[in-house]
């Protein structure tokens, strides 16, 4: 049991964004020295609902405008992860033990030219499209279980499109 078990989880929204080939958008964080990639995600502001936060985060992290995405599915459960103990005091000023996340699956309606990670407050140094099955191996180890669960939750939709999103 973590020494930080009494800390709350940070409310957050996450986005699995699929292109026409059925690949998922991932970005490499600027603040990490690890070769780790992740899907867009971020905190839910006071008075904001999770879907609004997800669309906002896509804009803030990937420069993708709301009219370039279409909601396909929403995870029916909230997912959580705990930070490793050595990161708790360094991330979010030590206020949170990890995140509780609402996840959304969006279809990307734009082209690669509609992605711009050089936003007002950049979070990614690079981005790319990957096969959904690669996601758990690309993320930091403490989020692998969450990403594997997302593949289960959205698996039916991903399989229905057989790697292609229409």
C-alpha atoms as a PDB file:
ATOM      1  CA  UNK A   1       0.000   0.000   0.000  1.00  0.00           C
ATOM      2  CA  UNK A   2       1.350   3.386  -1.007  1.00  0.00           C
ATOM      3  CA  UNK A   3       2.230   5.895   1.681  1.00  0.00           C
ATOM      4  CA  UNK A   4       0.099   8.283  -0.369  1.00  0.00           C
ATOM      5  CA  UNK A   5      -3.112   6.224  -0.393  1.00  0.00           C
ATOM      6  CA  UNK A   6      -5.012   9.043   1.356  1.00  0.00           C
ATOM      7  CA  UNK A   7      -4.392  11.505  -1.469  1.00  0.00           C
ATOM      8  CA  UNK A   8      -7.231  11.930  -3.983  1.00  0.00           C
ATOM      9  CA  UNK A   9      -7.105  11.177  -7.705  1.00  0.00           C
ATOM     10  CA  UNK A  10      -6.919  14.079 -10.156  1.00  0.00           C
ATOM     11  CA  UNK A  11     -10.035  14.219 -12.385  1.00  0.00           C
ATOM     12  CA  UNK A  12      -8.923  13.866 -15.972  1.00  0.00           C
ATOM     13  CA  UNK A  13     -10.104  13.214 -19.530  1.00  0.00           C
ATOM     14  CA  UNK A  14      -8.273  11.163 -22.142  1.00  0.00           C
ATOM     15  CA  UNK A  15      -8.572  10.786 -25.904  1.00  0.00           C
ATOM     16  CA  UNK A  16      -7.985   7.835 -28.196  1.00  0.00           C
ATOM     17  CA  UNK A  17      -7.896   9.483 -31.621  1.00  0.00           C
ATOM     18  CA  UNK A  18      -8.120   7.214 -34.674  1.00  0.00           C
ATOM     19  CA  UNK A  19      -7.155   8.148 -38.199  1.00  0.00           C
ATOM     20  CA  UNK A  20      -8.719   6.673 -41.352  1.00  0.00           C
ATOM     21  CA  UNK A  21      -6.244   3.764 -41.260  1.00  0.00           C
ATOM     22  CA  UNK A  22      -7.323   2.806 -37.720  1.00  0.00           C
ATOM     23  CA  UNK A  23      -4.084   4.065 -36.158  1.00  0.00           C
ATOM     24  CA  UNK A  24      -3.966   5.960 -32.864  1.00  0.00           C
ATOM     25  CA  UNK A  25      -2.394   9.381 -32.251  1.00  0.00           C
ATOM     26  CA  UNK A  26       0.398   9.405 -29.654  1.00  0.00           C
ATOM     27  CA  UNK A  27       2.734  12.163 -28.549  1.00  0.00           C
ATOM     28  CA  UNK A  28       6.100  12.073 -26.831  1.00  0.00           C
ATOM     29  CA  UNK A  29       6.040  14.267 -23.742  1.00  0.00           C
ATOM     30  CA  UNK A  30       8.407  17.227 -23.548  1.00  0.00           C
ATOM     31  CA  UNK A  31       8.896  16.842 -19.789  1.00  0.00           C
ATOM     32  CA  UNK A  32      10.033  13.221 -19.924  1.00  0.00           C
ATOM     33  CA  UNK A  33      13.472  11.871 -20.674  1.00  0.00           C
ATOM     34  CA  UNK A  34      11.925   8.451 -21.234  1.00  0.00           C
ATOM     35  CA  UNK A  35      11.156   7.122 -24.705  1.00  0.00           C
ATOM     36  CA  UNK A  36       7.499   7.114 -23.711  1.00  0.00           C
ATOM     37  CA  UNK A  37       4.531   8.024 -25.863  1.00  0.00           C
ATOM     38  CA  UNK A  38       0.988   8.717 -24.710  1.00  0.00           C
ATOM     39  CA  UNK A  39      -2.444   9.649 -25.957  1.00  0.00           C
ATOM     40  CA  UNK A  40      -3.703  13.178 -25.222  1.00  0.00           C
ATOM     41  CA  UNK A  41      -5.048  13.594 -21.703  1.00  0.00           C
ATOM     42  CA  UNK A  42      -5.387  16.260 -19.058  1.00  0.00           C
ATOM     43  CA  UNK A  43      -7.219  17.636 -16.087  1.00  0.00           C
ATOM     44  CA  UNK A  44     -10.881  18.526 -16.044  1.00  0.00           C
ATOM     45  CA  UNK A  45     -11.336  22.176 -15.097  1.00  0.00           C
ATOM     46  CA  UNK A  46     -13.962  23.236 -12.509  1.00  0.00           C
ATOM     47  CA  UNK A  47     -17.372  23.490 -14.185  1.00  0.00           C
ATOM     48  CA  UNK A  48     -16.199  21.558 -17.249  1.00  0.00           C
ATOM     49  CA  UNK A  49     -17.533  18.134 -18.168  1.00  0.00           C
ATOM     50  CA  UNK A  50     -15.233  15.312 -19.245  1.00  0.00           C
ATOM     51  CA  UNK A  51     -16.148  15.479 -22.941  1.00  0.00           C
ATOM     52  CA  UNK A  52     -15.496  19.225 -23.068  1.00  0.00           C
ATOM     53  CA  UNK A  53     -12.143  18.630 -21.349  1.00  0.00           C
ATOM     54  CA  UNK A  54     -11.221  15.906 -23.854  1.00  0.00           C
ATOM     55  CA  UNK A  55     -11.898  18.183 -26.841  1.00  0.00           C
ATOM     56  CA  UNK A  56     -10.030  21.061 -25.149  1.00  0.00           C
ATOM     57  CA  UNK A  57      -7.020  18.825 -24.429  1.00  0.00           C
ATOM     58  CA  UNK A  58      -6.861  17.756 -28.086  1.00  0.00           C
ATOM     59  CA  UNK A  59      -6.558  21.412 -29.003  1.00  0.00           C
ATOM     60  CA  UNK A  60      -4.061  22.261 -26.279  1.00  0.00           C
ATOM     61  CA  UNK A  61      -1.803  19.249 -26.823  1.00  0.00           C
ATOM     62  CA  UNK A  62      -2.165  18.453 -30.533  1.00  0.00           C
ATOM     63  CA  UNK A  63      -3.534  21.667 -32.036  1.00  0.00           C
ATOM     64  CA  UNK A  64      -6.536  19.747 -33.374  1.00  0.00           C
ATOM     65  CA  UNK A  65      -9.688  21.833 -33.823  1.00  0.00           C
ATOM     66  CA  UNK A  66     -13.052  20.490 -32.546  1.00  0.00           C
ATOM     67  CA  UNK A  67     -14.466  20.320 -36.091  1.00  0.00           C
ATOM     68  CA  UNK A  68     -11.723  17.830 -37.055  1.00  0.00           C
ATOM     69  CA  UNK A  69     -12.990  15.095 -34.707  1.00  0.00           C
ATOM     70  CA  UNK A  70     -16.144  13.050 -34.274  1.00  0.00           C
ATOM     71  CA  UNK A  71     -17.067  11.180 -31.091  1.00  0.00           C
ATOM     72  CA  UNK A  72     -17.303   7.422 -31.692  1.00  0.00           C
ATOM     73  CA  UNK A  73     -17.470   5.964 -28.173  1.00  0.00           C
ATOM     74  CA  UNK A  74     -17.055   6.766 -24.493  1.00  0.00           C
ATOM     75  CA  UNK A  75     -15.633   4.387 -21.908  1.00  0.00           C
ATOM     76  CA  UNK A  76     -18.458   3.308 -19.625  1.00  0.00           C
ATOM     77  CA  UNK A  77     -16.199   3.288 -16.593  1.00  0.00           C
ATOM     78  CA  UNK A  78     -13.733   5.642 -15.011  1.00  0.00           C
ATOM     79  CA  UNK A  79     -10.156   4.349 -15.068  1.00  0.00           C
ATOM     80  CA  UNK A  80      -7.489   5.137 -12.497  1.00  0.00           C
ATOM     81  CA  UNK A  81      -3.750   4.860 -12.173  1.00  0.00           C
ATOM     82  CA  UNK A  82      -1.382   5.588  -9.308  1.00  0.00           C
ATOM     83  CA  UNK A  83       1.870   7.442  -9.763  1.00  0.00           C
ATOM     84  CA  UNK A  84       4.980   5.669  -8.496  1.00  0.00           C
ATOM     85  CA  UNK A  85       5.806   6.942  -4.984  1.00  0.00           C
ATOM     86  CA  UNK A  86       8.941   8.737  -6.206  1.00  0.00           C
ATOM     87  CA  UNK A  87       6.880  10.916  -8.570  1.00  0.00           C
ATOM     88  CA  UNK A  88       4.031  11.876  -6.228  1.00  0.00           C
ATOM     89  CA  UNK A  89       5.904  14.748  -4.598  1.00  0.00           C
ATOM     90  CA  UNK A  90       7.163  16.025  -7.971  1.00  0.00           C
ATOM     91  CA  UNK A  91       3.991  15.997 -10.085  1.00  0.00           C
ATOM     92  CA  UNK A  92       0.979  18.288  -9.524  1.00  0.00           C
ATOM     93  CA  UNK A  93       2.648  19.798  -6.420  1.00  0.00           C
ATOM     94  CA  UNK A  94       2.027  16.576  -4.491  1.00  0.00           C
ATOM     95  CA  UNK A  95      -1.768  17.099  -4.384  1.00  0.00           C
ATOM     96  CA  UNK A  96      -2.762  13.879  -6.174  1.00  0.00           C
ATOM     97  CA  UNK A  97      -1.813  10.205  -5.973  1.00  0.00           C
ATOM     98  CA  UNK A  98      -2.646   9.612  -9.622  1.00  0.00           C
ATOM     99  CA  UNK A  99      -5.513  10.226 -11.999  1.00  0.00           C
ATOM    100  CA  UNK A 100      -9.086   9.083 -12.465  1.00  0.00           C
ATOM    101  CA  UNK A 101      -9.845   9.343 -16.118  1.00  0.00           C
ATOM    102  CA  UNK A 102     -12.848   9.437 -18.439  1.00  0.00           C
ATOM    103  CA  UNK A 103     -11.812   8.203 -21.890  1.00  0.00           C
ATOM    104  CA  UNK A 104     -13.288   9.017 -25.297  1.00  0.00           C
ATOM    105  CA  UNK A 105     -12.704   7.461 -28.703  1.00  0.00           C
ATOM    106  CA  UNK A 106     -12.757   9.984 -31.543  1.00  0.00           C
ATOM    107  CA  UNK A 107     -12.488   9.605 -35.299  1.00  0.00           C
ATOM    108  CA  UNK A 108     -10.025  12.091 -36.819  1.00  0.00           C
ATOM    109  CA  UNK A 109     -11.669  13.863 -39.748  1.00  0.00           C
ATOM    110  CA  UNK A 110      -8.654  15.942 -40.734  1.00  0.00           C
ATOM    111  CA  UNK A 111      -5.271  15.347 -42.295  1.00  0.00           C
ATOM    112  CA  UNK A 112      -1.820  15.308 -40.745  1.00  0.00           C
ATOM    113  CA  UNK A 113      -1.602  19.009 -41.667  1.00  0.00           C
ATOM    114  CA  UNK A 114      -4.366  19.635 -39.088  1.00  0.00           C
ATOM    115  CA  UNK A 115      -2.060  18.425 -36.286  1.00  0.00           C
ATOM    116  CA  UNK A 116       0.210  21.046 -34.723  1.00  0.00           C
ATOM    117  CA  UNK A 117       2.000  20.153 -31.495  1.00  0.00           C
ATOM    118  CA  UNK A 118       3.654  23.605 -31.420  1.00  0.00           C
ATOM    119  CA  UNK A 119       0.769  24.952 -29.348  1.00  0.00           C
ATOM    120  CA  UNK A 120       0.755  27.913 -26.922  1.00  0.00           C
ATOM    121  CA  UNK A 121       2.014  25.613 -24.154  1.00  0.00           C
ATOM    122  CA  UNK A 122       3.564  22.605 -25.933  1.00  0.00           C
ATOM    123  CA  UNK A 123       3.386  19.244 -24.171  1.00  0.00           C
ATOM    124  CA  UNK A 124       4.754  16.976 -26.902  1.00  0.00           C
ATOM    125  CA  UNK A 125       8.115  17.075 -28.691  1.00  0.00           C
ATOM    126  CA  UNK A 126       7.045  14.584 -31.380  1.00  0.00           C
ATOM    127  CA  UNK A 127       3.912  12.757 -32.534  1.00  0.00           C
ATOM    128  CA  UNK A 128       2.980   9.796 -34.715  1.00  0.00           C
ATOM    129  CA  UNK A 129       0.234   7.308 -35.574  1.00  0.00           C
ATOM    130  CA  UNK A 130       0.564   3.761 -34.182  1.00  0.00           C
ATOM    131  CA  UNK A 131      -1.390   0.529 -34.287  1.00  0.00           C
ATOM    132  CA  UNK A 132      -3.708   0.257 -31.249  1.00  0.00           C
ATOM    133  CA  UNK A 133      -2.014  -2.977 -30.108  1.00  0.00           C
ATOM    134  CA  UNK A 134       1.281  -1.073 -29.686  1.00  0.00           C
ATOM    135  CA  UNK A 135      -0.123   1.337 -27.086  1.00  0.00           C
ATOM    136  CA  UNK A 136       0.672  -0.599 -23.876  1.00  0.00           C
ATOM    137  CA  UNK A 137       4.315  -0.991 -24.914  1.00  0.00           C
ATOM    138  CA  UNK A 138       4.762   2.696 -25.703  1.00  0.00           C
ATOM    139  CA  UNK A 139       3.394   4.139 -22.462  1.00  0.00           C
ATOM    140  CA  UNK A 140       5.264   4.519 -19.168  1.00  0.00           C
ATOM    141  CA  UNK A 141       5.055   1.264 -17.163  1.00  0.00           C
ATOM    142  CA  UNK A 142       2.719   2.619 -14.460  1.00  0.00           C
ATOM    143  CA  UNK A 143       0.035   3.349 -17.113  1.00  0.00           C
ATOM    144  CA  UNK A 144       0.324   0.056 -19.048  1.00  0.00           C
ATOM    145  CA  UNK A 145      -2.573  -1.657 -17.272  1.00  0.00           C
ATOM    146  CA  UNK A 146      -4.830   1.328 -17.978  1.00  0.00           C
ATOM    147  CA  UNK A 147      -3.914   1.326 -21.684  1.00  0.00           C
ATOM    148  CA  UNK A 148      -4.505  -2.427 -21.912  1.00  0.00           C
ATOM    149  CA  UNK A 149      -7.932  -1.916 -20.340  1.00  0.00           C
ATOM    150  CA  UNK A 150      -8.733   0.823 -22.884  1.00  0.00           C
ATOM    151  CA  UNK A 151      -8.005  -1.638 -25.690  1.00  0.00           C
ATOM    152  CA  UNK A 152     -10.531  -4.006 -24.091  1.00  0.00           C
ATOM    153  CA  UNK A 153     -13.138  -1.267 -23.615  1.00  0.00           C
ATOM    154  CA  UNK A 154     -12.836   0.089 -27.160  1.00  0.00           C
ATOM    155  CA  UNK A 155     -11.895  -3.295 -28.667  1.00  0.00           C
ATOM    156  CA  UNK A 156     -15.289  -4.011 -30.200  1.00  0.00           C
ATOM    157  CA  UNK A 157     -15.260  -0.691 -32.052  1.00  0.00           C
ATOM    158  CA  UNK A 158     -11.640  -1.194 -33.131  1.00  0.00           C
ATOM    159  CA  UNK A 159     -12.367  -4.737 -34.367  1.00  0.00           C
ATOM    160  CA  UNK A 160     -15.568  -3.669 -36.124  1.00  0.00           C
ATOM    161  CA  UNK A 161     -13.489  -1.347 -38.255  1.00  0.00           C
ATOM    162  CA  UNK A 162     -10.829  -4.035 -38.784  1.00  0.00           C
ATOM    163  CA  UNK A 163      -8.080  -1.472 -38.405  1.00  0.00           C
ATOM    164  CA  UNK A 164      -9.890   1.060 -40.544  1.00  0.00           C
ATOM    165  CA  UNK A 165     -12.144   3.802 -39.234  1.00  0.00           C
ATOM    166  CA  UNK A 166     -14.886   4.930 -41.565  1.00  0.00           C
END
